[in-house]
Amino acid sequence: MPGRSFRVGITCYPSVGGSGILASALGEELARRGHEVHFISYDRPFRLPAAAPRIHFHPVAINDYELFKYPDYTLPLSVKMAEVARDHALDVLHVHYAVPHATAAILARAMSAAGREPCVVTTLHGTDTTLLGRDAGYGPAIRHALTRSDAVTAVSGWLRDETVRLLKVERPIEVIPNFFTPRPPGRSRAEIRDELGVGDVPLVVHVSNLRPVKRIDMLLETFARALPGRDFRLLVLAGGDFRPFAEQAKRMGVADRVVVRENVFEVEDYVAASDVGLFTSDSESFCLGILEAMVLGVPSVSTAVGGVPEVVVDGQTGLLAPAGDATGLAAALGSLLDDPPRRLAMGVEARRRARELFSAEAVVPRYEELYARATAAPVPH
């Protein structure tokens, strides 16, 4: 722990997704290290414990006035941020995902009394740059918020470089990767597999919020192509509604081999009961699902997109294939399913790499050091 403790306000999207999960985990770890943490959002983050020492939640009320065609979130969020910063003397507003959180934080800082302004730390997670950064209606506002932040981080070197390229950001962006700390197991591997009804056959797991970029259609196609001559199951831990994909699974004749669990809190138990991860995204800034599997000794087959090659060492901790290549992905998946010793060896190496580079012990002190630097030398406003 650094020489001082911080009072940190954290804002994230509370739904199931990498940015919200990372933000929640960071808040928990900061609280364990003696910092005071205040979450500010329209709902309680999905994986945030209901009661934990030094963790507080402040809901943002959103009014649907007839004056507006669409409900506004940015202004109520900024007001709540300023209120919490004032009432709890926050040192830092740490916002995850630039839109609209960074803009709201910059406004909240401007509303704070002189000499009591919190520093603003913005963490980029992906589509805030790769999607919205390309949009003329958002790009200039994102660039302004990043420029006026006291510190900016990205979860991968690829995302940092894309942010600089797309938004022409000239300020430093520090790469601090995601981390994952598994909770103590609630049920054994045997209990989970019994619940899923998979018996002793290999289990392939996919974890995501099912957004279009995750390419669930490609996931199912890869699974179907790898099936001939093998007996295994696909477990989808869905942070969204899987029903739009159920018809494709039925059409491909694999519906009876696909098991879906939606909005699972105990993701660790299910991943630990699996044998291989499968991720078929068109774009990923990091892919927290791969890291969750690595921590639990499960190697993954994934598309070699975005920041994924910074997480997975191809041939050592998992296997990579080009985006959109269902044949290549299926061949890679089949090679691991057919070779249990190789699969287990990759899992061991994946766990070692995760502990060394992507553990709370390796990552959280870097945020603490960043807070110390940002509060010592804030950006001129």
Protein backbone atom coordinates (compact mmCIF):
# COMPACT_ATOMS: atom_id res chain seq x y z
CA MET A 1 0.00 0.00 0.00
CA PRO A 2 1.32 3.51 -0.79
CA GLY A 3 2.17 6.02 1.90
CA ARG A 4 -1.33 7.49 1.90
CA SER A 5 -4.87 6.28 1.44
CA PHE A 6 -7.17 7.76 -1.16
CA ARG A 7 -10.87 8.54 -1.31
CA VAL A 8 -11.87 7.38 -4.77
CA GLY A 9 -15.11 7.79 -6.68
CA ILE A 10 -15.60 5.11 -9.35
CA THR A 11 -18.09 5.36 -12.18
CA CYS A 12 -18.72 2.53 -14.63
CA TYR A 13 -21.50 0.86 -16.54
CA PRO A 14 -23.06 -1.49 -13.97
CA SER A 15 -24.22 -4.08 -16.49
CA VAL A 16 -22.36 -7.28 -17.33
CA GLY A 17 -19.29 -6.32 -19.34
CA GLY A 18 -15.54 -6.15 -19.00
CA SER A 19 -15.34 -2.48 -18.01
CA GLY A 20 -17.88 -2.79 -15.20
CA ILE A 21 -16.39 -6.04 -13.92
CA LEU A 22 -12.88 -4.56 -13.85
CA ALA A 23 -14.12 -1.38 -12.14
CA SER A 24 -15.93 -3.41 -9.48
CA ALA A 25 -12.89 -5.61 -8.87
CA LEU A 26 -10.65 -2.55 -8.64
CA GLY A 27 -12.95 -0.96 -6.07
CA GLU A 28 -12.92 -4.13 -3.96
CA GLU A 29 -9.13 -4.37 -4.11
CA LEU A 30 -8.66 -0.69 -3.26
CA ALA A 31 -10.96 -1.08 -0.26
CA ARG A 32 -8.98 -4.12 0.92
CA ARG A 33 -5.87 -1.96 0.77
CA GLY A 34 -7.42 0.64 3.07
CA HIS A 35 -8.78 3.15 0.56
CA GLU A 36 -12.32 4.54 0.72
CA VAL A 37 -14.30 3.78 -2.42
CA HIS A 38 -17.54 5.38 -3.63
CA PHE A 39 -19.34 3.91 -6.66
CA ILE A 40 -21.49 6.41 -8.56
CA SER A 41 -23.81 5.01 -11.23
CA TYR A 42 -27.45 4.52 -12.21
CA ASP A 43 -27.41 1.02 -10.70
CA ARG A 44 -25.24 -1.06 -8.43
CA PRO A 45 -22.46 -2.79 -10.43
CA PHE A 46 -23.32 -6.40 -11.22
CA ARG A 47 -20.51 -8.08 -9.27
CA LEU A 48 -20.13 -5.55 -6.45
CA PRO A 49 -20.73 -7.17 -3.02
CA ALA A 50 -23.86 -6.01 -1.23
CA ALA A 51 -21.91 -5.08 1.89
CA ALA A 52 -18.16 -4.61 2.17
CA PRO A 53 -16.00 -2.38 4.37
CA ARG A 54 -15.05 1.01 2.89
CA ILE A 55 -17.26 0.53 -0.20
CA HIS A 56 -20.25 2.81 -0.74
CA PHE A 57 -22.78 3.10 -3.56
CA HIS A 58 -24.48 6.34 -4.64
CA PRO A 59 -27.31 5.90 -7.19
CA VAL A 60 -27.89 8.49 -9.90
CA ALA A 61 -31.54 9.46 -10.36
CA ILE A 62 -32.57 9.95 -13.99
CA ASN A 63 -35.71 11.99 -14.65
CA ASP A 64 -37.59 11.54 -17.93
CA TYR A 65 -38.75 15.12 -18.49
CA GLU A 66 -41.09 15.73 -21.42
CA LEU A 67 -38.85 18.64 -22.36
CA PHE A 68 -36.25 16.17 -23.63
CA LYS A 69 -36.85 13.76 -26.50
CA TYR A 70 -34.44 11.34 -24.80
CA PRO A 71 -33.63 11.04 -21.07
CA ASP A 72 -30.34 12.72 -20.16
CA TYR A 73 -27.79 10.87 -18.01
CA THR A 74 -24.65 12.97 -18.32
CA LEU A 75 -25.89 16.00 -16.37
CA PRO A 76 -27.49 14.08 -13.44
CA LEU A 77 -24.33 11.96 -13.28
CA SER A 78 -22.07 15.02 -13.15
CA VAL A 79 -24.18 16.59 -10.41
CA LYS A 80 -24.07 13.38 -8.35
CA MET A 81 -20.30 13.13 -8.89
CA ALA A 82 -19.83 16.70 -7.68
CA GLU A 83 -22.09 16.06 -4.69
CA VAL A 84 -20.26 12.89 -3.63
CA ALA A 85 -16.87 14.54 -4.22
CA ARG A 86 -17.89 17.44 -1.97
CA ASP A 87 -19.57 15.45 0.79
CA HIS A 88 -16.82 12.80 1.01
CA ALA A 89 -13.81 14.93 0.06
CA LEU A 90 -12.85 12.66 -2.83
CA ASP A 91 -9.28 12.78 -4.05
CA VAL A 92 -9.99 11.04 -7.35
CA LEU A 93 -12.88 10.49 -9.74
CA HIS A 94 -11.89 7.34 -11.63
CA VAL A 95 -14.19 6.83 -14.60
CA HIS A 96 -14.28 3.66 -16.68
CA TYR A 97 -15.37 4.16 -20.27
CA ALA A 98 -15.10 7.64 -21.69
CA VAL A 99 -18.72 8.12 -22.76
CA PRO A 100 -20.39 9.75 -20.94
CA HIS A 101 -18.40 9.22 -17.76
CA ALA A 102 -15.28 11.25 -18.54
CA THR A 103 -17.30 14.22 -19.77
CA ALA A 104 -19.45 14.09 -16.62
CA ALA A 105 -16.34 13.90 -14.42
CA ILE A 106 -14.76 16.94 -16.10
CA LEU A 107 -17.99 18.89 -15.48
CA ALA A 108 -18.18 17.66 -11.87
CA ARG A 109 -14.63 18.81 -11.27
CA ALA A 110 -15.51 22.24 -12.66
CA MET A 111 -18.45 22.45 -10.24
CA SER A 112 -16.22 21.71 -7.24
CA ALA A 113 -15.03 24.44 -4.91
CA ALA A 114 -11.62 25.91 -5.68
CA GLY A 115 -8.90 23.96 -3.97
CA ARG A 116 -11.16 20.92 -3.46
CA GLU A 117 -11.36 19.63 -7.01
CA PRO A 118 -10.90 15.88 -7.36
CA CYS A 119 -8.45 14.60 -9.95
CA VAL A 120 -10.02 12.86 -12.93
CA VAL A 121 -8.58 9.52 -14.06
CA THR A 122 -10.11 8.05 -17.22
CA THR A 123 -9.68 4.38 -18.15
CA LEU A 124 -10.43 3.39 -21.74
CA HIS A 125 -11.79 -0.10 -22.29
CA GLY A 126 -12.48 -0.38 -26.01
CA THR A 127 -15.53 0.78 -27.92
CA ASP A 128 -15.34 4.23 -26.36
CA THR A 129 -12.39 4.60 -28.74
CA THR A 130 -12.88 2.05 -31.50
CA LEU A 131 -16.57 2.76 -32.14
CA LEU A 132 -17.54 6.13 -30.67
CA GLY A 133 -14.14 7.64 -31.37
CA ARG A 134 -14.91 7.31 -35.09
CA ASP A 135 -18.26 9.09 -34.71
CA ALA A 136 -18.16 12.81 -35.51
CA GLY A 137 -20.90 13.32 -32.95
CA TYR A 138 -18.75 11.90 -30.12
CA GLY A 139 -15.09 12.03 -31.16
CA PRO A 140 -14.41 15.72 -30.36
CA ALA A 141 -16.07 15.40 -26.93
CA ILE A 142 -14.06 12.27 -26.12
CA ARG A 143 -10.83 13.95 -27.22
CA HIS A 144 -11.61 16.99 -25.04
CA ALA A 145 -12.39 14.82 -22.00
CA LEU A 146 -9.17 12.84 -22.42
CA THR A 147 -7.11 15.98 -22.85
CA ARG A 148 -8.59 17.53 -19.70
CA SER A 149 -8.29 14.37 -17.58
CA ASP A 150 -5.48 14.37 -15.03
CA ALA A 151 -4.46 10.88 -16.16
CA VAL A 152 -5.62 8.47 -18.85
CA THR A 153 -5.09 4.71 -18.97
CA ALA A 154 -5.87 2.00 -21.51
CA VAL A 155 -6.15 -1.72 -20.87
CA SER A 156 -3.78 -2.68 -23.71
CA GLY A 157 -1.06 -1.22 -25.85
CA TRP A 158 -3.23 -1.82 -28.90
CA LEU A 159 -6.04 0.30 -27.43
CA ARG A 160 -3.61 3.06 -26.51
CA ASP A 161 -2.28 3.16 -30.07
CA GLU A 162 -5.78 3.09 -31.57
CA THR A 163 -6.83 5.98 -29.33
CA VAL A 164 -3.88 8.05 -30.47
CA ARG A 165 -4.52 7.16 -34.12
CA LEU A 166 -8.28 7.71 -34.18
CA LEU A 167 -8.61 10.66 -31.80
CA LYS A 168 -5.25 12.35 -32.41
CA VAL A 169 -4.67 12.46 -28.64
CA GLU A 170 -1.27 13.94 -27.88
CA ARG A 171 -1.20 13.44 -24.11
CA PRO A 172 0.41 10.38 -22.46
CA ILE A 173 -1.80 7.31 -22.09
CA GLU A 174 -0.54 4.72 -19.61
CA VAL A 175 -1.18 1.04 -20.29
CA ILE A 176 -2.50 -0.73 -17.18
CA PRO A 177 -3.99 -4.12 -18.06
CA ASN A 178 -7.04 -5.80 -16.65
CA PHE A 179 -6.70 -8.15 -13.70
CA PHE A 180 -8.85 -10.88 -12.25
CA THR A 181 -9.06 -12.29 -8.74
CA PRO A 182 -11.29 -15.37 -8.50
CA ARG A 183 -13.65 -15.62 -5.56
CA PRO A 184 -13.45 -18.73 -3.37
CA PRO A 185 -15.29 -21.60 -5.11
CA GLY A 186 -18.89 -22.08 -4.07
CA ARG A 187 -19.32 -25.47 -5.74
CA SER A 188 -16.93 -28.12 -6.94
CA ARG A 189 -16.16 -28.95 -10.56
CA ALA A 190 -18.17 -32.16 -10.20
CA GLU A 191 -21.19 -30.31 -8.80
CA ILE A 192 -21.18 -27.76 -11.63
CA ARG A 193 -20.82 -30.40 -14.32
CA ASP A 194 -23.61 -32.41 -12.74
CA GLU A 195 -25.87 -29.33 -12.79
CA LEU A 196 -25.03 -28.72 -16.46
CA GLY A 197 -25.62 -32.37 -17.32
CA VAL A 198 -22.37 -32.70 -19.27
CA GLY A 199 -20.97 -35.78 -17.56
CA ASP A 200 -17.32 -36.44 -18.31
CA VAL A 201 -17.20 -35.01 -21.85
CA PRO A 202 -14.96 -31.98 -22.51
CA LEU A 203 -16.63 -28.63 -21.87
CA VAL A 204 -15.85 -25.52 -23.95
CA VAL A 205 -16.78 -22.21 -22.32
CA HIS A 206 -17.56 -18.77 -23.72
CA VAL A 207 -18.05 -15.72 -21.48
CA SER A 208 -19.32 -12.40 -22.88
CA ASN A 209 -22.13 -9.88 -23.00
CA LEU A 210 -23.12 -11.22 -26.47
CA ARG A 211 -22.74 -7.85 -28.22
CA PRO A 212 -22.44 -8.06 -32.04
CA VAL A 213 -18.65 -7.62 -31.93
CA LYS A 214 -18.43 -10.89 -29.95
CA ARG A 215 -19.64 -12.77 -33.06
CA ILE A 216 -21.82 -15.38 -31.40
CA ASP A 217 -22.74 -16.57 -34.89
CA MET A 218 -19.05 -17.35 -35.47
CA LEU A 219 -18.88 -19.02 -32.05
CA LEU A 220 -21.68 -21.41 -32.98
CA GLU A 221 -20.24 -22.04 -36.44
CA THR A 222 -16.82 -22.84 -34.95
CA PHE A 223 -18.43 -25.19 -32.44
CA ALA A 224 -20.42 -26.95 -35.16
CA ARG A 225 -17.35 -27.38 -37.38
CA ALA A 226 -15.32 -28.89 -34.55
CA LEU A 227 -18.03 -31.39 -33.55
CA PRO A 228 -17.76 -34.15 -36.20
CA GLY A 229 -15.98 -37.13 -34.68
CA ARG A 230 -15.94 -35.60 -31.20
CA ASP A 231 -18.24 -35.47 -28.21
CA PHE A 232 -18.11 -32.22 -26.25
CA ARG A 233 -20.38 -29.42 -25.07
CA LEU A 234 -20.42 -25.63 -25.34
CA LEU A 235 -21.26 -23.57 -22.24
CA VAL A 236 -22.23 -19.95 -22.88
CA LEU A 237 -22.07 -17.70 -19.81
CA ALA A 238 -24.17 -14.91 -21.24
CA GLY A 239 -24.29 -11.35 -19.99
CA GLY A 240 -27.21 -10.80 -22.33
CA ASP A 241 -30.18 -12.51 -23.97
CA PHE A 242 -29.14 -15.65 -25.87
CA ARG A 243 -32.57 -16.18 -27.45
CA PRO A 244 -31.70 -14.39 -30.74
CA PHE A 245 -29.04 -17.08 -31.32
CA ALA A 246 -31.11 -20.08 -30.31
CA GLU A 247 -32.58 -20.46 -33.80
CA GLN A 248 -29.12 -20.59 -35.38
CA ALA A 249 -28.06 -23.29 -32.91
CA LYS A 250 -31.20 -25.28 -33.77
CA ARG A 251 -30.66 -24.80 -37.51
CA MET A 252 -27.09 -26.08 -37.21
CA GLY A 253 -28.24 -29.11 -35.25
CA VAL A 254 -26.18 -28.25 -32.15
CA ALA A 255 -28.88 -26.87 -29.83
CA ASP A 256 -28.84 -29.99 -27.66
CA ARG A 257 -25.09 -29.58 -27.11
CA VAL A 258 -25.18 -25.91 -26.12
CA VAL A 259 -25.82 -25.02 -22.48
CA VAL A 260 -26.61 -21.40 -21.63
CA ARG A 261 -26.52 -19.63 -18.28
CA GLU A 262 -27.41 -15.94 -18.24
CA ASN A 263 -26.12 -13.26 -15.83
CA VAL A 264 -24.11 -15.70 -13.74
CA PHE A 265 -22.54 -14.21 -10.61
CA GLU A 266 -20.38 -17.25 -9.77
CA VAL A 267 -18.57 -17.21 -13.12
CA GLU A 268 -15.45 -18.72 -11.55
CA ASP A 269 -17.22 -21.96 -10.62
CA TYR A 270 -18.41 -22.50 -14.19
CA VAL A 271 -15.12 -21.57 -15.86
CA ALA A 272 -13.19 -23.83 -13.46
CA ALA A 273 -15.47 -26.72 -14.49
CA SER A 274 -14.55 -26.16 -18.16
CA ASP A 275 -11.66 -27.44 -20.27
CA VAL A 276 -11.15 -24.85 -23.04
CA GLY A 277 -12.28 -21.26 -23.60
CA LEU A 278 -13.54 -20.14 -27.02
CA PHE A 279 -13.68 -16.49 -28.12
CA THR A 280 -14.49 -15.45 -31.69
CA SER A 281 -14.69 -11.63 -31.52
CA ASP A 282 -14.02 -9.32 -34.45
CA SER A 283 -12.40 -6.86 -32.04
CA GLU A 284 -11.18 -6.97 -28.45
CA SER A 285 -9.20 -4.40 -26.51
CA PHE A 286 -8.17 -7.08 -23.96
CA CYS A 287 -10.84 -9.80 -23.45
CA LEU A 288 -11.46 -10.29 -19.76
CA GLY A 289 -13.11 -13.65 -20.45
CA ILE A 290 -9.78 -15.05 -21.66
CA LEU A 291 -8.08 -13.80 -18.50
CA GLU A 292 -10.77 -15.33 -16.27
CA ALA A 293 -10.07 -18.66 -17.94
CA MET A 294 -6.28 -18.25 -17.68
CA VAL A 295 -6.41 -17.53 -13.95
CA LEU A 296 -8.28 -20.81 -13.47
CA GLY A 297 -5.86 -22.81 -15.60
CA VAL A 298 -8.07 -23.04 -18.68
CA PRO A 299 -6.40 -22.32 -22.06
CA SER A 300 -8.40 -20.56 -24.77
CA VAL A 301 -8.81 -20.57 -28.51
CA SER A 302 -9.38 -17.03 -29.71
CA THR A 303 -9.24 -14.69 -32.67
CA ALA A 304 -5.95 -12.78 -32.86
CA VAL A 305 -7.55 -9.34 -32.70
CA GLY A 306 -6.81 -6.09 -30.87
CA GLY A 307 -5.11 -6.58 -27.53
CA VAL A 308 -5.65 -10.35 -27.36
CA PRO A 309 -2.06 -11.19 -28.48
CA GLU A 310 -0.87 -9.14 -25.48
CA VAL A 311 -2.78 -11.54 -23.22
CA VAL A 312 -2.36 -14.89 -24.98
CA VAL A 313 1.02 -16.28 -26.02
CA ASP A 314 0.08 -18.29 -29.08
CA GLY A 315 1.06 -21.94 -28.69
CA GLN A 316 1.99 -21.54 -25.02
CA THR A 317 -1.05 -20.25 -23.09
CA GLY A 318 -3.64 -20.70 -25.81
CA LEU A 319 -4.14 -20.77 -29.58
CA LEU A 320 -4.93 -17.85 -31.89
CA ALA A 321 -6.57 -17.77 -35.32
CA PRO A 322 -7.53 -14.96 -37.72
CA ALA A 323 -10.82 -13.15 -37.18
CA GLY A 324 -13.68 -14.63 -39.16
CA ASP A 325 -11.85 -17.91 -39.79
CA ALA A 326 -14.26 -20.52 -38.45
CA THR A 327 -12.27 -23.30 -40.09
CA GLY A 328 -9.03 -22.21 -38.42
CA LEU A 329 -10.72 -21.69 -35.07
CA ALA A 330 -12.37 -25.11 -35.26
CA ALA A 331 -9.06 -26.78 -36.14
CA ALA A 332 -7.35 -25.08 -33.18
CA LEU A 333 -10.20 -26.05 -30.86
CA GLY A 334 -10.14 -29.64 -32.09
CA SER A 335 -6.39 -29.89 -31.57
CA LEU A 336 -6.77 -29.05 -27.88
CA LEU A 337 -9.78 -31.28 -27.37
CA ASP A 338 -7.86 -34.18 -28.94
CA ASP A 339 -4.72 -33.67 -26.86
CA PRO A 340 -5.51 -33.48 -23.11
CA PRO A 341 -1.84 -33.42 -21.98
CA ARG A 342 -1.11 -30.42 -24.23
CA ARG A 343 -4.31 -28.75 -23.03
CA LEU A 344 -3.35 -29.23 -19.40
CA ALA A 345 0.20 -27.96 -19.99
CA MET A 346 -1.16 -24.82 -21.66
CA GLY A 347 -3.50 -24.33 -18.74
CA VAL A 348 -0.60 -24.45 -16.30
CA GLU A 349 1.35 -21.89 -18.34
CA ALA A 350 -1.75 -19.71 -18.71
CA ARG A 351 -2.23 -19.64 -14.94
CA ARG A 352 1.44 -18.75 -14.41
CA ARG A 353 1.29 -15.89 -16.91
CA ALA A 354 -1.95 -14.56 -15.38
CA ARG A 355 -0.45 -14.53 -11.89
CA GLU A 356 2.72 -12.81 -13.08
CA LEU A 357 1.19 -10.09 -15.26
CA PHE A 358 -2.55 -9.85 -14.64
CA SER A 359 -3.11 -10.40 -10.90
CA ALA A 360 -4.36 -7.81 -8.43
CA GLU A 361 -0.93 -7.87 -6.82
CA ALA A 362 0.68 -6.91 -10.12
CA VAL A 363 -1.89 -4.38 -11.34
CA VAL A 364 -3.62 -2.55 -8.46
CA PRO A 365 -0.41 -0.93 -7.09
CA ARG A 366 0.00 0.69 -10.50
CA TYR A 367 -3.35 2.43 -10.05
CA GLU A 368 -2.33 3.51 -6.56
CA GLU A 369 0.88 4.97 -7.94
CA LEU A 370 -1.10 6.70 -10.69
CA TYR A 371 -3.44 8.29 -8.12
CA ALA A 372 -0.42 9.52 -6.18
CA ARG A 373 1.10 11.14 -9.28
CA ALA A 374 -2.18 12.63 -10.48
CA THR A 375 -3.06 14.21 -7.14
CA ALA A 376 0.49 15.53 -6.71
CA ALA A 377 0.56 17.20 -10.11
CA PRO A 378 -2.92 17.71 -11.53
CA VAL A 379 -3.39 18.90 -15.10
CA PRO A 380 -3.95 22.72 -15.27
CA HIS A 381 -7.64 23.38 -15.83
